[in-house]
Amino acid sequence: MLSNDCHNEKEKILVRRLVAGELAAFNEIYSLYFHPVYSNAVKITRDTAVAEDILQEVFITLWEKRTTIDPERSLAGWLFVLCYHRSINILKRRLRESLLYRQLPQPAENSAEDEMRFGIQWNILENAISRLSPQRRRVFELCKLQGKSYEQAAAELHISKYTVKEYLSAALTSIREYSLHHPESTALLLPLLFLS
C-alpha cells in the first residue's frame, strides 16, 4: 500500500504526463480511479447503467480538459466533484421527468412571467427535497416521484412498509415546512404534497 505522500507524488507525475497528452498516463489514471468514481455514481444515482454513463462522461471530460488540469491539485478530488455534479444533474433531470413533474401545472406557452414563476417554484421544490435525509429522500422519490406503493418501496429498500410510511410522512412534513417559508411556492406545491 502506498503512503499518502507517495500516492500524491505518483498522481502528480501521472497528471503531468496526462497534460502532455500521454495516452498511457490516461489509462493508468482510469485504472486507478474508475472503480471509486463508478461506486460514487452508483451511490448517488442508485442506478448502475446511469453510473456507467457518468463514468464515461467523467473520463471523456478528463481527456478533453487535460491541458487545463493543475498537477498540484488533487486529481481524485477533481474527478469526484465532476462525478457528483453529473450525478446530481441526472437526478434533477429525472425529477423533472417524474410522475410528480407531470402532475405539476405547466406554464402557459407564451407567458414568460408564468414560466419564470414556475421555474422559481420548481427550484424551491428541488431545494426542499435536497434537504431531506438520504433515506427520506429515497422514500419520497420512490413513492411520490416514481409512484411506487409502500410495499414496493419497502421491498426495494429492505425495510418495513410502516417504516416507509413514517419516512414519507416525515419527508412531506419537511417539504411542507420548507415551502411555507417560500409563499411563492405554496400554490404549486401544497396540493401535491398533501396527497398521500
N, C-alpha and C. Protein backbone atom coordinates (compact mmCIF):
# COMPACT_ATOMS: atom_id res chain seq x y z
N MET A 1 0.84 -1.19 0.00
CA MET A 1 0.00 0.00 0.00
C MET A 1 0.89 1.25 0.00
N LEU A 2 0.62 2.17 -0.90
CA LEU A 2 1.40 3.41 -0.98
C LEU A 2 1.04 4.35 0.16
N SER A 3 2.05 5.05 0.70
CA SER A 3 1.73 6.08 1.69
C SER A 3 1.06 7.23 0.95
N ASN A 4 0.45 8.11 1.73
CA ASN A 4 -0.27 9.25 1.14
C ASN A 4 0.66 10.11 0.30
N ASP A 5 1.87 10.37 0.83
CA ASP A 5 2.82 11.22 0.10
C ASP A 5 3.24 10.57 -1.22
N CYS A 6 3.52 9.25 -1.17
CA CYS A 6 3.91 8.54 -2.39
C CYS A 6 2.77 8.55 -3.40
N HIS A 7 1.55 8.33 -2.89
CA HIS A 7 0.38 8.33 -3.77
C HIS A 7 0.21 9.70 -4.43
N ASN A 8 0.32 10.77 -3.61
CA ASN A 8 0.18 12.13 -4.15
C ASN A 8 1.25 12.43 -5.19
N GLU A 9 2.47 11.98 -4.94
CA GLU A 9 3.57 12.22 -5.89
C GLU A 9 3.33 11.45 -7.18
N LYS A 10 2.88 10.20 -7.05
CA LYS A 10 2.57 9.38 -8.23
C LYS A 10 1.45 10.04 -9.05
N GLU A 11 0.43 10.55 -8.34
CA GLU A 11 -0.68 11.21 -9.04
C GLU A 11 -0.19 12.45 -9.79
N LYS A 12 0.66 13.24 -9.16
CA LYS A 12 1.19 14.45 -9.80
C LYS A 12 1.94 14.10 -11.09
N ILE A 13 2.76 13.06 -11.01
CA ILE A 13 3.52 12.63 -12.19
C ILE A 13 2.57 12.19 -13.30
N LEU A 14 1.56 11.41 -12.92
CA LEU A 14 0.57 10.96 -13.91
C LEU A 14 -0.14 12.14 -14.55
N VAL A 15 -0.51 13.13 -13.73
CA VAL A 15 -1.23 14.29 -14.27
C VAL A 15 -0.33 15.07 -15.21
N ARG A 16 0.93 15.24 -14.87
CA ARG A 16 1.85 15.94 -15.78
C ARG A 16 1.95 15.22 -17.11
N ARG A 17 2.03 13.89 -17.06
CA ARG A 17 2.08 13.11 -18.30
C ARG A 17 0.77 13.24 -19.08
N LEU A 18 -0.34 13.25 -18.34
CA LEU A 18 -1.66 13.42 -18.97
C LEU A 18 -1.75 14.78 -19.67
N VAL A 19 -1.33 15.82 -18.96
CA VAL A 19 -1.37 17.18 -19.52
C VAL A 19 -0.56 17.24 -20.81
N ALA A 20 0.53 16.45 -20.87
CA ALA A 20 1.37 16.41 -22.07
C ALA A 20 0.72 15.58 -23.18
N GLY A 21 -0.45 14.98 -22.89
CA GLY A 21 -1.18 14.24 -23.92
C GLY A 21 -0.82 12.77 -24.00
N GLU A 22 -0.21 12.23 -22.95
CA GLU A 22 0.23 10.85 -22.98
C GLU A 22 -0.95 9.91 -22.67
N LEU A 23 -1.34 9.11 -23.64
CA LEU A 23 -2.49 8.22 -23.50
C LEU A 23 -2.24 7.15 -22.43
N ALA A 24 -1.00 6.70 -22.29
CA ALA A 24 -0.68 5.69 -21.27
C ALA A 24 -0.97 6.23 -19.87
N ALA A 25 -0.71 7.51 -19.65
CA ALA A 25 -1.00 8.14 -18.35
C ALA A 25 -2.51 8.16 -18.11
N PHE A 26 -3.27 8.49 -19.15
CA PHE A 26 -4.72 8.48 -19.03
C PHE A 26 -5.21 7.09 -18.64
N ASN A 27 -4.67 6.06 -19.29
CA ASN A 27 -5.07 4.68 -18.99
C ASN A 27 -4.74 4.30 -17.55
N GLU A 28 -3.60 4.76 -17.05
CA GLU A 28 -3.23 4.49 -15.65
C GLU A 28 -4.18 5.19 -14.69
N ILE A 29 -4.50 6.43 -15.01
CA ILE A 29 -5.44 7.19 -14.16
C ILE A 29 -6.80 6.50 -14.17
N TYR A 30 -7.22 6.07 -15.33
CA TYR A 30 -8.50 5.35 -15.43
C TYR A 30 -8.48 4.10 -14.54
N SER A 31 -7.39 3.33 -14.63
CA SER A 31 -7.28 2.11 -13.81
C SER A 31 -7.31 2.42 -12.32
N LEU A 32 -6.68 3.53 -11.93
CA LEU A 32 -6.66 3.91 -10.52
C LEU A 32 -8.03 4.36 -10.00
N TYR A 33 -8.77 5.09 -10.83
CA TYR A 33 -9.95 5.78 -10.32
C TYR A 33 -11.30 5.32 -10.87
N PHE A 34 -11.30 4.40 -11.86
CA PHE A 34 -12.60 4.07 -12.44
C PHE A 34 -13.54 3.46 -11.40
N HIS A 35 -13.01 2.58 -10.55
CA HIS A 35 -13.90 1.92 -9.58
C HIS A 35 -14.45 2.90 -8.53
N PRO A 36 -13.60 3.73 -7.90
CA PRO A 36 -14.16 4.68 -6.93
C PRO A 36 -15.15 5.68 -7.56
N VAL A 37 -14.87 6.14 -8.78
CA VAL A 37 -15.79 7.08 -9.43
C VAL A 37 -17.11 6.38 -9.74
N TYR A 38 -17.03 5.18 -10.27
CA TYR A 38 -18.24 4.41 -10.58
C TYR A 38 -19.05 4.14 -9.31
N SER A 39 -18.38 3.73 -8.24
CA SER A 39 -19.07 3.44 -6.98
C SER A 39 -19.76 4.69 -6.45
N ASN A 40 -19.11 5.82 -6.57
CA ASN A 40 -19.69 7.07 -6.12
C ASN A 40 -20.94 7.41 -6.93
N ALA A 41 -20.88 7.21 -8.24
CA ALA A 41 -22.04 7.49 -9.10
C ALA A 41 -23.20 6.55 -8.77
N VAL A 42 -22.88 5.28 -8.50
CA VAL A 42 -23.94 4.32 -8.12
C VAL A 42 -24.57 4.74 -6.80
N LYS A 43 -23.73 5.17 -5.85
CA LYS A 43 -24.24 5.58 -4.54
C LYS A 43 -25.20 6.76 -4.67
N ILE A 44 -24.89 7.69 -5.55
CA ILE A 44 -25.74 8.88 -5.71
C ILE A 44 -26.98 8.57 -6.53
N THR A 45 -26.81 7.89 -7.66
CA THR A 45 -27.95 7.69 -8.57
C THR A 45 -28.73 6.41 -8.30
N ARG A 46 -28.08 5.45 -7.63
CA ARG A 46 -28.69 4.13 -7.36
C ARG A 46 -29.10 3.42 -8.66
N ASP A 47 -28.30 3.64 -9.69
CA ASP A 47 -28.62 3.06 -11.00
C ASP A 47 -27.30 2.72 -11.69
N THR A 48 -27.02 1.42 -11.86
CA THR A 48 -25.73 1.02 -12.41
C THR A 48 -25.54 1.45 -13.86
N ALA A 49 -26.61 1.40 -14.66
CA ALA A 49 -26.49 1.80 -16.07
C ALA A 49 -26.17 3.30 -16.17
N VAL A 50 -26.85 4.10 -15.36
CA VAL A 50 -26.60 5.54 -15.36
C VAL A 50 -25.18 5.80 -14.85
N ALA A 51 -24.77 5.06 -13.83
CA ALA A 51 -23.42 5.24 -13.27
C ALA A 51 -22.35 4.94 -14.33
N GLU A 52 -22.60 3.95 -15.17
CA GLU A 52 -21.64 3.65 -16.25
C GLU A 52 -21.54 4.81 -17.23
N ASP A 53 -22.68 5.43 -17.54
CA ASP A 53 -22.67 6.60 -18.43
C ASP A 53 -21.90 7.75 -17.80
N ILE A 54 -22.15 7.97 -16.50
CA ILE A 54 -21.45 9.05 -15.79
C ILE A 54 -19.96 8.79 -15.78
N LEU A 55 -19.57 7.55 -15.53
CA LEU A 55 -18.15 7.18 -15.54
C LEU A 55 -17.51 7.54 -16.87
N GLN A 56 -18.17 7.18 -17.97
CA GLN A 56 -17.64 7.51 -19.29
C GLN A 56 -17.55 9.02 -19.48
N GLU A 57 -18.60 9.74 -19.09
CA GLU A 57 -18.59 11.21 -19.24
C GLU A 57 -17.46 11.85 -18.45
N VAL A 58 -17.24 11.36 -17.22
CA VAL A 58 -16.19 11.92 -16.37
C VAL A 58 -14.83 11.74 -17.04
N PHE A 59 -14.56 10.55 -17.55
CA PHE A 59 -13.23 10.31 -18.14
C PHE A 59 -13.07 10.93 -19.52
N ILE A 60 -14.16 11.07 -20.24
CA ILE A 60 -14.09 11.82 -21.51
C ILE A 60 -13.76 13.27 -21.21
N THR A 61 -14.43 13.83 -20.18
CA THR A 61 -14.16 15.22 -19.79
C THR A 61 -12.72 15.38 -19.32
N LEU A 62 -12.23 14.39 -18.57
CA LEU A 62 -10.83 14.43 -18.12
C LEU A 62 -9.89 14.54 -19.32
N TRP A 63 -10.12 13.72 -20.34
CA TRP A 63 -9.26 13.75 -21.51
C TRP A 63 -9.39 15.09 -22.25
N GLU A 64 -10.63 15.55 -22.41
CA GLU A 64 -10.85 16.81 -23.15
C GLU A 64 -10.26 18.01 -22.43
N LYS A 65 -10.25 17.99 -21.10
CA LYS A 65 -9.78 19.15 -20.32
C LYS A 65 -8.38 18.92 -19.74
N ARG A 66 -7.69 17.92 -20.24
CA ARG A 66 -6.40 17.53 -19.66
C ARG A 66 -5.40 18.68 -19.60
N THR A 67 -5.42 19.56 -20.59
CA THR A 67 -4.41 20.64 -20.62
C THR A 67 -4.69 21.73 -19.59
N THR A 68 -5.88 21.73 -19.00
CA THR A 68 -6.23 22.77 -18.02
C THR A 68 -6.11 22.27 -16.58
N ILE A 69 -5.75 21.02 -16.39
CA ILE A 69 -5.69 20.44 -15.05
C ILE A 69 -4.37 20.81 -14.37
N ASP A 70 -4.47 21.21 -13.11
CA ASP A 70 -3.30 21.61 -12.33
C ASP A 70 -2.74 20.38 -11.61
N PRO A 71 -1.52 19.96 -11.94
CA PRO A 71 -0.92 18.78 -11.31
C PRO A 71 -0.73 18.92 -9.80
N GLU A 72 -0.74 20.15 -9.30
CA GLU A 72 -0.54 20.36 -7.86
C GLU A 72 -1.82 20.17 -7.06
N ARG A 73 -2.94 20.10 -7.74
CA ARG A 73 -4.22 19.90 -7.05
C ARG A 73 -4.64 18.44 -7.16
N SER A 74 -5.49 18.02 -6.26
CA SER A 74 -5.91 16.62 -6.20
C SER A 74 -6.74 16.24 -7.43
N LEU A 75 -6.22 15.30 -8.20
CA LEU A 75 -6.97 14.80 -9.35
C LEU A 75 -8.18 14.00 -8.88
N ALA A 76 -8.00 13.22 -7.81
CA ALA A 76 -9.12 12.44 -7.27
C ALA A 76 -10.26 13.37 -6.88
N GLY A 77 -9.94 14.47 -6.22
CA GLY A 77 -10.96 15.44 -5.84
C GLY A 77 -11.67 16.01 -7.05
N TRP A 78 -10.90 16.33 -8.09
CA TRP A 78 -11.48 16.87 -9.33
C TRP A 78 -12.44 15.87 -9.95
N LEU A 79 -12.02 14.60 -10.00
CA LEU A 79 -12.87 13.55 -10.58
C LEU A 79 -14.15 13.36 -9.77
N PHE A 80 -14.04 13.38 -8.45
CA PHE A 80 -15.22 13.16 -7.62
C PHE A 80 -16.18 14.33 -7.67
N VAL A 81 -15.66 15.54 -7.74
CA VAL A 81 -16.54 16.71 -7.87
C VAL A 81 -17.29 16.64 -9.20
N LEU A 82 -16.58 16.30 -10.26
CA LEU A 82 -17.21 16.19 -11.58
C LEU A 82 -18.27 15.08 -11.56
N CYS A 83 -17.93 13.94 -10.98
CA CYS A 83 -18.88 12.83 -10.86
C CYS A 83 -20.12 13.26 -10.07
N TYR A 84 -19.90 13.96 -8.98
CA TYR A 84 -21.02 14.42 -8.14
C TYR A 84 -21.95 15.33 -8.94
N HIS A 85 -21.39 16.31 -9.63
CA HIS A 85 -22.21 17.25 -10.39
C HIS A 85 -22.97 16.55 -11.52
N ARG A 86 -22.31 15.63 -12.22
CA ARG A 86 -23.01 14.89 -13.28
C ARG A 86 -24.15 14.07 -12.69
N SER A 87 -23.90 13.43 -11.56
CA SER A 87 -24.92 12.60 -10.92
C SER A 87 -26.11 13.44 -10.46
N ILE A 88 -25.83 14.59 -9.85
CA ILE A 88 -26.91 15.46 -9.37
C ILE A 88 -27.72 15.99 -10.55
N ASN A 89 -27.04 16.35 -11.64
CA ASN A 89 -27.77 16.83 -12.82
C ASN A 89 -28.71 15.76 -13.36
N ILE A 90 -28.27 14.52 -13.34
CA ILE A 90 -29.14 13.43 -13.80
C ILE A 90 -30.32 13.26 -12.86
N LEU A 91 -30.08 13.35 -11.56
CA LEU A 91 -31.19 13.24 -10.60
C LEU A 91 -32.19 14.37 -10.80
N LYS A 92 -31.70 15.57 -11.07
CA LYS A 92 -32.60 16.70 -11.32
C LYS A 92 -33.42 16.46 -12.58
N ARG A 93 -32.76 15.94 -13.61
CA ARG A 93 -33.48 15.66 -14.85
C ARG A 93 -34.54 14.60 -14.62
N ARG A 94 -34.19 13.57 -13.85
CA ARG A 94 -35.17 12.54 -13.52
C ARG A 94 -36.35 13.12 -12.77
N LEU A 95 -36.04 14.00 -11.84
CA LEU A 95 -37.09 14.64 -11.05
C LEU A 95 -38.05 15.39 -11.96
N ARG A 96 -37.49 16.11 -12.91
CA ARG A 96 -38.33 16.87 -13.83
C ARG A 96 -39.19 15.96 -14.72
N GLU A 97 -38.67 14.78 -15.02
CA GLU A 97 -39.39 13.86 -15.89
C GLU A 97 -40.32 12.93 -15.11
N SER A 98 -40.31 13.06 -13.82
CA SER A 98 -41.01 12.11 -12.97
C SER A 98 -42.52 12.31 -12.97
N LEU A 99 -43.16 11.42 -12.28
CA LEU A 99 -44.60 11.46 -12.11
C LEU A 99 -45.03 12.79 -11.50
N LEU A 100 -44.32 13.24 -10.47
CA LEU A 100 -44.68 14.48 -9.81
C LEU A 100 -44.61 15.65 -10.79
N TYR A 101 -43.55 15.70 -11.58
CA TYR A 101 -43.39 16.79 -12.54
C TYR A 101 -44.54 16.82 -13.54
N ARG A 102 -44.96 15.65 -13.99
CA ARG A 102 -46.07 15.60 -14.94
C ARG A 102 -47.37 16.06 -14.30
N GLN A 103 -47.46 15.97 -12.97
CA GLN A 103 -48.69 16.41 -12.28
C GLN A 103 -48.69 17.91 -12.04
N LEU A 104 -47.52 18.52 -12.10
CA LEU A 104 -47.46 19.96 -11.83
C LEU A 104 -48.11 20.74 -12.96
N PRO A 105 -48.80 21.84 -12.61
CA PRO A 105 -49.36 22.68 -13.67
C PRO A 105 -48.23 23.31 -14.47
N GLN A 106 -48.28 23.15 -15.76
CA GLN A 106 -47.24 23.68 -16.63
C GLN A 106 -47.55 25.14 -16.99
N PRO A 107 -46.52 25.94 -17.21
CA PRO A 107 -46.75 27.34 -17.57
C PRO A 107 -47.40 27.46 -18.95
N ALA A 108 -48.17 28.54 -19.12
CA ALA A 108 -48.77 28.81 -20.43
C ALA A 108 -47.64 29.00 -21.44
N GLU A 109 -47.90 28.61 -22.70
CA GLU A 109 -46.81 28.55 -23.68
C GLU A 109 -46.08 29.85 -23.91
N ASN A 110 -46.76 30.93 -24.07
CA ASN A 110 -46.07 32.17 -24.42
C ASN A 110 -46.00 33.15 -23.26
N SER A 111 -46.05 32.64 -22.04
CA SER A 111 -46.03 33.53 -20.90
C SER A 111 -44.68 33.46 -20.20
N ALA A 112 -43.83 34.44 -20.43
CA ALA A 112 -42.50 34.46 -19.81
C ALA A 112 -42.62 34.61 -18.30
N GLU A 113 -43.60 35.39 -17.85
CA GLU A 113 -43.79 35.60 -16.41
C GLU A 113 -44.20 34.30 -15.72
N ASP A 114 -45.14 33.56 -16.33
CA ASP A 114 -45.57 32.28 -15.76
C ASP A 114 -44.42 31.28 -15.76
N GLU A 115 -43.65 31.28 -16.82
CA GLU A 115 -42.53 30.36 -16.91
C GLU A 115 -41.49 30.67 -15.84
N MET A 116 -41.22 31.96 -15.59
CA MET A 116 -40.27 32.36 -14.57
C MET A 116 -40.78 31.94 -13.19
N ARG A 117 -42.07 32.17 -12.92
CA ARG A 117 -42.67 31.80 -11.64
C ARG A 117 -42.59 30.29 -11.45
N PHE A 118 -42.89 29.56 -12.51
CA PHE A 118 -42.83 28.10 -12.45
C PHE A 118 -41.40 27.64 -12.13
N GLY A 119 -40.41 28.26 -12.77
CA GLY A 119 -39.01 27.90 -12.52
C GLY A 119 -38.62 28.14 -11.08
N ILE A 120 -39.07 29.27 -10.52
CA ILE A 120 -38.77 29.58 -9.11
C ILE A 120 -39.40 28.54 -8.21
N GLN A 121 -40.67 28.22 -8.48
CA GLN A 121 -41.38 27.24 -7.66
C GLN A 121 -40.71 25.87 -7.75
N TRP A 122 -40.31 25.50 -8.94
CA TRP A 122 -39.67 24.20 -9.13
C TRP A 122 -38.35 24.14 -8.38
N ASN A 123 -37.58 25.24 -8.40
CA ASN A 123 -36.31 25.28 -7.65
C ASN A 123 -36.55 25.13 -6.16
N ILE A 124 -37.62 25.73 -5.67
CA ILE A 124 -37.94 25.62 -4.25
C ILE A 124 -38.22 24.16 -3.90
N LEU A 125 -38.99 23.47 -4.75
CA LEU A 125 -39.27 22.06 -4.50
C LEU A 125 -37.98 21.24 -4.53
N GLU A 126 -37.13 21.48 -5.50
CA GLU A 126 -35.86 20.74 -5.57
C GLU A 126 -35.01 20.99 -4.33
N ASN A 127 -34.96 22.25 -3.87
CA ASN A 127 -34.19 22.59 -2.67
C ASN A 127 -34.76 21.88 -1.45
N ALA A 128 -36.08 21.87 -1.34
CA ALA A 128 -36.73 21.20 -0.21
C ALA A 128 -36.39 19.71 -0.21
N ILE A 129 -36.43 19.08 -1.37
CA ILE A 129 -36.12 17.65 -1.47
C ILE A 129 -34.65 17.39 -1.14
N SER A 130 -33.78 18.29 -1.60
CA SER A 130 -32.34 18.08 -1.36
C SER A 130 -31.97 18.18 0.12
N ARG A 131 -32.83 18.81 0.94
CA ARG A 131 -32.57 18.95 2.37
C ARG A 131 -32.96 17.71 3.17
N LEU A 132 -33.66 16.79 2.54
CA LEU A 132 -34.10 15.58 3.25
C LEU A 132 -32.90 14.67 3.52
N SER A 133 -33.04 13.85 4.57
CA SER A 133 -32.00 12.84 4.82
C SER A 133 -32.01 11.86 3.64
N PRO A 134 -30.90 11.15 3.41
CA PRO A 134 -30.86 10.24 2.26
C PRO A 134 -32.01 9.22 2.25
N GLN A 135 -32.34 8.67 3.41
CA GLN A 135 -33.38 7.63 3.45
C GLN A 135 -34.76 8.25 3.16
N ARG A 136 -35.05 9.39 3.75
CA ARG A 136 -36.34 10.05 3.49
C ARG A 136 -36.45 10.48 2.04
N ARG A 137 -35.35 11.00 1.49
CA ARG A 137 -35.35 11.42 0.08
C ARG A 137 -35.62 10.23 -0.83
N ARG A 138 -34.99 9.10 -0.51
CA ARG A 138 -35.18 7.90 -1.34
C ARG A 138 -36.63 7.43 -1.28
N VAL A 139 -37.22 7.43 -0.09
CA VAL A 139 -38.62 7.03 0.05
C VAL A 139 -39.52 8.00 -0.71
N PHE A 140 -39.24 9.30 -0.60
CA PHE A 140 -40.02 10.31 -1.31
C PHE A 140 -39.93 10.08 -2.82
N GLU A 141 -38.71 9.85 -3.31
CA GLU A 141 -38.52 9.61 -4.76
C GLU A 141 -39.31 8.39 -5.22
N LEU A 142 -39.21 7.31 -4.44
CA LEU A 142 -39.88 6.07 -4.84
C LEU A 142 -41.41 6.22 -4.83
N CYS A 143 -41.94 6.79 -3.74
CA CYS A 143 -43.40 6.86 -3.58
C CYS A 143 -44.03 8.03 -4.33
N LYS A 144 -43.43 9.19 -4.25
CA LYS A 144 -44.06 10.37 -4.84
C LYS A 144 -43.62 10.62 -6.28
N LEU A 145 -42.37 10.34 -6.59
CA LEU A 145 -41.89 10.64 -7.92
C LEU A 145 -42.03 9.47 -8.88
N GLN A 146 -41.81 8.26 -8.36
CA GLN A 146 -41.92 7.09 -9.23
C GLN A 146 -43.27 6.40 -9.09
N GLY A 147 -44.09 6.85 -8.12
CA GLY A 147 -45.43 6.31 -7.98
C GLY A 147 -45.50 4.91 -7.41
N LYS A 148 -44.46 4.48 -6.69
CA LYS A 148 -44.47 3.13 -6.13
C LYS A 148 -45.30 3.08 -4.85
N SER A 149 -45.85 1.91 -4.57
CA SER A 149 -46.62 1.71 -3.34
C SER A 149 -45.66 1.59 -2.16
N TYR A 150 -46.23 1.67 -0.94
CA TYR A 150 -45.41 1.46 0.25
C TYR A 150 -44.73 0.10 0.20
N GLU A 151 -45.49 -0.92 -0.23
CA GLU A 151 -44.96 -2.27 -0.29
C GLU A 151 -43.78 -2.37 -1.27
N GLN A 152 -43.93 -1.76 -2.44
CA GLN A 152 -42.86 -1.80 -3.44
C GLN A 152 -41.61 -1.08 -2.94
N ALA A 153 -41.81 0.10 -2.32
CA ALA A 153 -40.68 0.86 -1.78
C ALA A 153 -40.01 0.08 -0.66
N ALA A 154 -40.82 -0.54 0.21
CA ALA A 154 -40.27 -1.32 1.32
C ALA A 154 -39.42 -2.47 0.80
N ALA A 155 -39.91 -3.16 -0.22
CA ALA A 155 -39.17 -4.29 -0.78
C ALA A 155 -37.85 -3.81 -1.39
N GLU A 156 -37.88 -2.68 -2.09
CA GLU A 156 -36.66 -2.17 -2.73
C GLU A 156 -35.63 -1.72 -1.71
N LEU A 157 -36.10 -1.12 -0.60
CA LEU A 157 -35.19 -0.58 0.42
C LEU A 157 -34.91 -1.56 1.55
N HIS A 158 -35.58 -2.71 1.53
CA HIS A 158 -35.40 -3.73 2.57
C HIS A 158 -35.77 -3.20 3.96
N ILE A 159 -36.89 -2.49 4.01
CA ILE A 159 -37.42 -2.00 5.28
C ILE A 159 -38.92 -2.32 5.29
N SER A 160 -39.56 -2.13 6.43
CA SER A 160 -40.99 -2.44 6.51
C SER A 160 -41.81 -1.34 5.83
N LYS A 161 -43.04 -1.69 5.43
CA LYS A 161 -43.90 -0.69 4.79
C LYS A 161 -44.29 0.39 5.79
N TYR A 162 -44.28 0.05 7.08
CA TYR A 162 -44.60 1.05 8.12
C TYR A 162 -43.46 2.07 8.24
N THR A 163 -42.24 1.59 8.09
CA THR A 163 -41.09 2.50 8.11
C THR A 163 -41.14 3.41 6.88
N VAL A 164 -41.51 2.85 5.74
CA VAL A 164 -41.67 3.66 4.53
C VAL A 164 -42.70 4.76 4.79
N LYS A 165 -43.82 4.39 5.38
CA LYS A 165 -44.88 5.35 5.65
C LYS A 165 -44.39 6.46 6.59
N GLU A 166 -43.63 6.08 7.62
CA GLU A 166 -43.08 7.07 8.56
C GLU A 166 -42.10 8.01 7.85
N TYR A 167 -41.19 7.44 7.04
CA TYR A 167 -40.22 8.26 6.31
C TYR A 167 -40.92 9.22 5.36
N LEU A 168 -41.93 8.70 4.66
CA LEU A 168 -42.64 9.54 3.70
C LEU A 168 -43.38 10.66 4.41
N SER A 169 -44.02 10.34 5.52
CA SER A 169 -44.73 11.35 6.30
C SER A 169 -43.77 12.44 6.77
N ALA A 170 -42.60 12.02 7.27
CA ALA A 170 -41.60 12.99 7.74
C ALA A 170 -41.06 13.83 6.58
N ALA A 171 -40.86 13.19 5.43
CA ALA A 171 -40.37 13.92 4.25
C ALA A 171 -41.38 14.96 3.81
N LEU A 172 -42.66 14.58 3.76
CA LEU A 172 -43.70 15.52 3.33
C LEU A 172 -43.82 16.68 4.31
N THR A 173 -43.71 16.38 5.60
CA THR A 173 -43.77 17.44 6.62
C THR A 173 -42.62 18.42 6.41
N SER A 174 -41.44 17.88 6.19
CA SER A 174 -40.25 18.72 5.99
C SER A 174 -40.41 19.60 4.73
N ILE A 175 -40.89 19.01 3.64
CA ILE A 175 -41.07 19.77 2.40
C ILE A 175 -42.15 20.84 2.57
N ARG A 176 -43.24 20.49 3.26
CA ARG A 176 -44.30 21.48 3.52
C ARG A 176 -43.75 22.66 4.31
N GLU A 177 -42.99 22.34 5.39
CA GLU A 177 -42.44 23.40 6.23
C GLU A 177 -41.50 24.30 5.43
N TYR A 178 -40.67 23.69 4.61
CA TYR A 178 -39.74 24.47 3.78
C TYR A 178 -40.52 25.36 2.82
N SER A 179 -41.55 24.79 2.20
CA SER A 179 -42.31 25.55 1.20
C SER A 179 -43.11 26.68 1.85
N LEU A 180 -43.52 26.50 3.11
CA LEU A 180 -44.26 27.57 3.80
C LEU A 180 -43.40 28.80 4.05
N HIS A 181 -42.10 28.60 4.09
CA HIS A 181 -41.18 29.74 4.22
C HIS A 181 -40.93 30.43 2.88
N HIS A 182 -41.51 29.86 1.84
CA HIS A 182 -41.40 30.42 0.49
C HIS A 182 -42.82 30.52 -0.07
N PRO A 183 -43.58 31.54 0.32
CA PRO A 183 -45.00 31.63 -0.06
C PRO A 183 -45.25 31.54 -1.56
N GLU A 184 -44.27 31.95 -2.36
CA GLU A 184 -44.47 31.90 -3.81
C GLU A 184 -44.61 30.46 -4.32
N SER A 185 -44.24 29.48 -3.48
CA SER A 185 -44.34 28.09 -3.92
C SER A 185 -45.63 27.43 -3.47
N THR A 186 -46.33 28.02 -2.53
CA THR A 186 -47.43 27.34 -1.87
C THR A 186 -48.50 26.86 -2.84
N ALA A 187 -48.92 27.71 -3.75
CA ALA A 187 -50.00 27.33 -4.66
C ALA A 187 -49.62 26.13 -5.53
N LEU A 188 -48.36 26.03 -5.86
CA LEU A 188 -47.90 24.94 -6.73
C LEU A 188 -47.70 23.65 -5.94
N LEU A 189 -47.04 23.73 -4.78
CA LEU A 189 -46.58 22.53 -4.11
C LEU A 189 -47.56 21.89 -3.15
N LEU A 190 -48.26 22.68 -2.38
CA LEU A 190 -49.05 22.10 -1.31
C LEU A 190 -50.12 21.14 -1.76
N PRO A 191 -50.88 21.39 -2.81
CA PRO A 191 -51.88 20.39 -3.20
C PRO A 191 -51.25 19.03 -3.49
N LEU A 192 -50.06 19.03 -4.08
CA LEU A 192 -49.39 17.77 -4.38
C LEU A 192 -48.86 17.10 -3.12
N LEU A 193 -48.36 17.90 -2.19
CA LEU A 193 -47.73 17.34 -1.01
C LEU A 193 -48.73 16.77 -0.01
N PHE A 194 -49.96 17.23 -0.08
CA PHE A 194 -50.95 16.72 0.85
C PHE A 194 -51.58 15.43 0.34
N LEU A 195 -51.30 15.06 -0.91
CA LEU A 195 -51.78 13.78 -1.41
C LEU A 195 -51.00 12.67 -0.71
N SER A 196 -51.67 11.63 -0.24
CA SER A 196 -50.92 10.57 0.43
C SER A 196 -50.78 9.36 -0.49
